[in-house]
Amino acid sequence: GLQQTVSRTVPTSGRGQGMLLRSKSVPQDKTVPFVNIPLADGQTLCTAGGDLNNIDVQLLNQDTVQHIHNLVSELTVLCGKATAKPS
């Protein structure tokens, strides 16, 4: 039996080039929160905040955007509770 090897090379389009698709997977500083954002092309962006300005929004699914909105709401409530807690 002859086995064929199929190489799955994805052509690099200019659109995703400057993106930090695989940014420093987990921040070295353990106190820095980070998020994993699934992208439309199947990759995952792991970011610790500052990189968010560099995300190509074309790579986000509508579902992902909705989940981000929900997460923002929950994090806002969490921050409110943490700030308001008596010292």
N, C-alpha and C. Protein backbone atom coordinates (compact mmCIF):
# COMPACT_ATOMS: atom_id res chain seq x y z
N GLY A 1 0.84 -1.21 0.00
CA GLY A 1 0.00 0.00 0.00
C GLY A 1 0.86 1.24 0.00
N LEU A 2 0.48 2.15 -0.84
CA LEU A 2 1.20 3.41 -0.95
C LEU A 2 0.46 4.49 -0.15
N GLN A 3 1.14 5.11 0.77
CA GLN A 3 0.49 6.16 1.56
C GLN A 3 0.86 7.53 1.03
N GLN A 4 -0.15 8.35 0.89
CA GLN A 4 0.11 9.72 0.44
C GLN A 4 0.14 10.65 1.63
N THR A 5 1.06 11.55 1.62
CA THR A 5 1.13 12.54 2.69
C THR A 5 0.54 13.84 2.16
N VAL A 6 -0.49 14.29 2.81
CA VAL A 6 -1.13 15.53 2.39
C VAL A 6 -0.62 16.64 3.29
N SER A 7 0.03 17.60 2.69
CA SER A 7 0.51 18.72 3.51
C SER A 7 -0.58 19.78 3.55
N ARG A 8 -0.86 20.24 4.74
CA ARG A 8 -1.94 21.23 4.89
C ARG A 8 -1.33 22.61 5.12
N THR A 9 -0.70 23.13 4.13
CA THR A 9 -0.14 24.47 4.26
C THR A 9 -1.20 25.48 3.88
N VAL A 10 -1.42 26.41 4.78
CA VAL A 10 -2.42 27.43 4.53
C VAL A 10 -1.73 28.63 3.91
N PRO A 11 -2.23 29.09 2.77
CA PRO A 11 -1.60 30.27 2.16
C PRO A 11 -1.72 31.48 3.09
N THR A 12 -0.63 32.19 3.20
CA THR A 12 -0.64 33.35 4.07
C THR A 12 -1.22 34.55 3.33
N SER A 13 -2.35 35.00 3.80
CA SER A 13 -2.94 36.19 3.19
C SER A 13 -2.43 37.40 3.95
N GLY A 14 -2.42 38.52 3.33
CA GLY A 14 -1.92 39.73 3.97
C GLY A 14 -2.75 40.15 5.17
N ARG A 15 -4.00 39.72 5.21
CA ARG A 15 -4.92 40.19 6.24
C ARG A 15 -4.50 39.85 7.66
N GLY A 16 -4.12 38.60 7.90
CA GLY A 16 -3.79 38.19 9.25
C GLY A 16 -2.33 38.35 9.60
N GLN A 17 -1.54 38.86 8.67
CA GLN A 17 -0.10 38.88 8.86
C GLN A 17 0.42 39.58 10.10
N GLY A 18 0.07 40.84 10.30
CA GLY A 18 0.62 41.58 11.42
C GLY A 18 0.00 41.22 12.75
N MET A 19 -0.91 40.27 12.73
CA MET A 19 -1.65 39.90 13.93
C MET A 19 -0.79 39.09 14.91
N LEU A 20 -1.10 39.22 16.17
CA LEU A 20 -0.45 38.40 17.17
C LEU A 20 -1.37 37.22 17.45
N LEU A 21 -1.42 36.26 16.52
CA LEU A 21 -2.32 35.13 16.67
C LEU A 21 -1.92 34.26 17.84
N ARG A 22 -0.64 34.04 17.96
CA ARG A 22 -0.18 33.25 19.09
C ARG A 22 0.72 34.13 19.92
N SER A 23 0.12 35.06 20.65
CA SER A 23 0.95 35.92 21.48
C SER A 23 1.41 35.09 22.67
N LYS A 24 2.30 35.61 23.45
CA LYS A 24 2.93 34.88 24.56
C LYS A 24 1.86 34.09 25.32
N SER A 25 1.71 32.83 25.00
CA SER A 25 0.57 32.04 25.46
C SER A 25 0.04 32.39 26.85
N VAL A 26 0.87 32.36 27.86
CA VAL A 26 0.40 32.74 29.19
C VAL A 26 1.37 33.77 29.74
N PRO A 27 0.83 34.87 30.27
CA PRO A 27 1.71 35.91 30.82
C PRO A 27 2.62 35.33 31.91
N GLN A 28 3.85 35.80 31.95
CA GLN A 28 4.80 35.32 32.95
C GLN A 28 4.35 35.75 34.35
N ASP A 29 3.79 36.93 34.44
CA ASP A 29 3.32 37.44 35.72
C ASP A 29 2.00 36.76 36.06
N LYS A 30 2.02 35.93 37.10
CA LYS A 30 0.85 35.12 37.46
C LYS A 30 -0.36 35.96 37.88
N THR A 31 -0.15 37.24 38.21
CA THR A 31 -1.27 38.06 38.66
C THR A 31 -2.01 38.71 37.50
N VAL A 32 -1.45 38.61 36.29
CA VAL A 32 -2.07 39.24 35.13
C VAL A 32 -3.13 38.32 34.52
N PRO A 33 -4.41 38.76 34.51
CA PRO A 33 -5.43 37.91 33.88
C PRO A 33 -5.28 37.91 32.37
N PHE A 34 -5.63 36.80 31.74
CA PHE A 34 -5.54 36.72 30.30
C PHE A 34 -6.76 36.01 29.75
N VAL A 35 -7.02 36.17 28.46
CA VAL A 35 -8.16 35.53 27.83
C VAL A 35 -7.72 34.80 26.57
N ASN A 36 -8.44 33.73 26.25
CA ASN A 36 -8.27 33.03 24.98
C ASN A 36 -9.47 33.38 24.12
N ILE A 37 -9.22 33.91 22.94
CA ILE A 37 -10.31 34.31 22.04
C ILE A 37 -10.24 33.46 20.78
N PRO A 38 -11.28 32.62 20.56
CA PRO A 38 -11.28 31.81 19.35
C PRO A 38 -11.52 32.69 18.13
N LEU A 39 -10.76 32.44 17.06
CA LEU A 39 -10.88 33.24 15.85
C LEU A 39 -11.58 32.44 14.75
N ALA A 40 -12.10 33.16 13.77
CA ALA A 40 -12.86 32.55 12.69
C ALA A 40 -12.04 31.54 11.89
N ASP A 41 -10.72 31.73 11.85
CA ASP A 41 -9.87 30.82 11.05
C ASP A 41 -9.46 29.58 11.83
N GLY A 42 -10.05 29.38 13.02
CA GLY A 42 -9.75 28.19 13.79
C GLY A 42 -8.61 28.35 14.78
N GLN A 43 -7.89 29.44 14.70
CA GLN A 43 -6.80 29.67 15.64
C GLN A 43 -7.37 30.31 16.91
N THR A 44 -6.55 30.36 17.94
CA THR A 44 -6.95 30.99 19.18
C THR A 44 -5.94 32.06 19.53
N LEU A 45 -6.44 33.22 19.89
CA LEU A 45 -5.58 34.31 20.33
C LEU A 45 -5.58 34.31 21.84
N CYS A 46 -4.40 34.22 22.44
CA CYS A 46 -4.27 34.31 23.89
C CYS A 46 -3.67 35.67 24.16
N THR A 47 -4.38 36.49 24.93
CA THR A 47 -3.90 37.84 25.13
C THR A 47 -4.07 38.29 26.57
N ALA A 48 -3.21 39.20 26.99
CA ALA A 48 -3.24 39.73 28.34
C ALA A 48 -3.58 41.21 28.33
N GLY A 49 -4.45 41.63 27.46
CA GLY A 49 -4.92 43.00 27.51
C GLY A 49 -4.36 43.94 26.47
N GLY A 50 -3.09 44.28 26.60
CA GLY A 50 -2.51 45.27 25.69
C GLY A 50 -2.62 44.89 24.22
N ASP A 51 -2.59 43.58 23.94
CA ASP A 51 -2.66 43.12 22.56
C ASP A 51 -4.04 43.31 21.94
N LEU A 52 -5.04 43.57 22.77
CA LEU A 52 -6.41 43.65 22.26
C LEU A 52 -6.58 44.73 21.20
N ASN A 53 -5.77 45.78 21.29
CA ASN A 53 -5.86 46.85 20.29
C ASN A 53 -5.43 46.38 18.91
N ASN A 54 -4.68 45.29 18.86
CA ASN A 54 -4.14 44.80 17.59
C ASN A 54 -4.99 43.73 16.92
N ILE A 55 -6.11 43.35 17.55
CA ILE A 55 -6.92 42.28 16.98
C ILE A 55 -7.65 42.76 15.74
N ASP A 56 -7.55 41.98 14.67
CA ASP A 56 -8.30 42.24 13.44
C ASP A 56 -9.72 41.77 13.68
N VAL A 57 -10.65 42.70 13.87
CA VAL A 57 -12.03 42.32 14.21
C VAL A 57 -12.69 41.49 13.13
N GLN A 58 -12.13 41.49 11.93
CA GLN A 58 -12.65 40.65 10.85
C GLN A 58 -12.52 39.17 11.21
N LEU A 59 -11.59 38.86 12.12
CA LEU A 59 -11.34 37.47 12.48
C LEU A 59 -12.26 36.96 13.59
N LEU A 60 -13.16 37.83 14.09
CA LEU A 60 -14.06 37.42 15.17
C LEU A 60 -15.41 36.98 14.61
N ASN A 61 -15.91 35.84 15.11
CA ASN A 61 -17.26 35.40 14.76
C ASN A 61 -18.26 36.24 15.54
N GLN A 62 -19.50 36.36 15.04
CA GLN A 62 -20.54 37.08 15.76
C GLN A 62 -20.79 36.44 17.12
N ASP A 63 -20.78 35.11 17.17
CA ASP A 63 -20.99 34.41 18.45
C ASP A 63 -19.91 34.80 19.45
N THR A 64 -18.68 34.87 18.97
CA THR A 64 -17.57 35.23 19.85
C THR A 64 -17.78 36.63 20.40
N VAL A 65 -18.20 37.55 19.53
CA VAL A 65 -18.43 38.93 19.96
C VAL A 65 -19.50 38.97 21.05
N GLN A 66 -20.57 38.18 20.88
CA GLN A 66 -21.64 38.13 21.88
C GLN A 66 -21.12 37.58 23.21
N HIS A 67 -20.30 36.54 23.13
CA HIS A 67 -19.73 35.97 24.36
C HIS A 67 -18.82 36.99 25.05
N ILE A 68 -18.08 37.77 24.27
CA ILE A 68 -17.21 38.81 24.84
C ILE A 68 -18.06 39.85 25.56
N HIS A 69 -19.19 40.25 24.94
CA HIS A 69 -20.10 41.22 25.59
C HIS A 69 -20.57 40.68 26.93
N ASN A 70 -20.98 39.41 26.95
CA ASN A 70 -21.45 38.79 28.20
C ASN A 70 -20.36 38.76 29.25
N LEU A 71 -19.14 38.41 28.82
CA LEU A 71 -18.02 38.34 29.74
C LEU A 71 -17.71 39.73 30.31
N VAL A 72 -17.76 40.75 29.47
CA VAL A 72 -17.50 42.11 29.92
C VAL A 72 -18.50 42.50 31.01
N SER A 73 -19.77 42.16 30.79
CA SER A 73 -20.80 42.47 31.79
C SER A 73 -20.51 41.79 33.12
N GLU A 74 -20.18 40.50 33.05
CA GLU A 74 -19.89 39.74 34.27
C GLU A 74 -18.64 40.26 34.97
N LEU A 75 -17.62 40.61 34.19
CA LEU A 75 -16.39 41.13 34.80
C LEU A 75 -16.64 42.50 35.43
N THR A 76 -17.50 43.30 34.82
CA THR A 76 -17.83 44.61 35.38
C THR A 76 -18.50 44.45 36.74
N VAL A 77 -19.43 43.50 36.83
CA VAL A 77 -20.10 43.22 38.10
C VAL A 77 -19.09 42.73 39.12
N LEU A 78 -18.20 41.83 38.71
CA LEU A 78 -17.18 41.29 39.60
C LEU A 78 -16.28 42.40 40.13
N CYS A 79 -15.85 43.30 39.24
CA CYS A 79 -15.00 44.42 39.66
C CYS A 79 -15.74 45.33 40.64
N GLY A 80 -17.03 45.55 40.37
CA GLY A 80 -17.84 46.36 41.28
C GLY A 80 -17.90 45.76 42.67
N LYS A 81 -18.11 44.46 42.74
CA LYS A 81 -18.17 43.77 44.03
C LYS A 81 -16.82 43.84 44.74
N ALA A 82 -15.75 43.62 43.99
CA ALA A 82 -14.41 43.62 44.59
C ALA A 82 -14.05 45.02 45.11
N THR A 83 -14.46 46.05 44.37
CA THR A 83 -14.14 47.41 44.77
C THR A 83 -14.96 47.83 45.98
N ALA A 84 -16.21 47.38 46.04
CA ALA A 84 -17.12 47.80 47.10
C ALA A 84 -16.94 47.02 48.39
N LYS A 85 -16.12 45.98 48.37
CA LYS A 85 -16.02 45.14 49.57
C LYS A 85 -15.36 45.89 50.70
N PRO A 86 -15.93 45.76 51.90
CA PRO A 86 -15.39 46.50 53.06
C PRO A 86 -13.97 46.04 53.40
N SER A 87 -13.10 47.01 53.76
CA SER A 87 -11.72 46.64 54.03
C SER A 87 -11.53 46.39 55.52
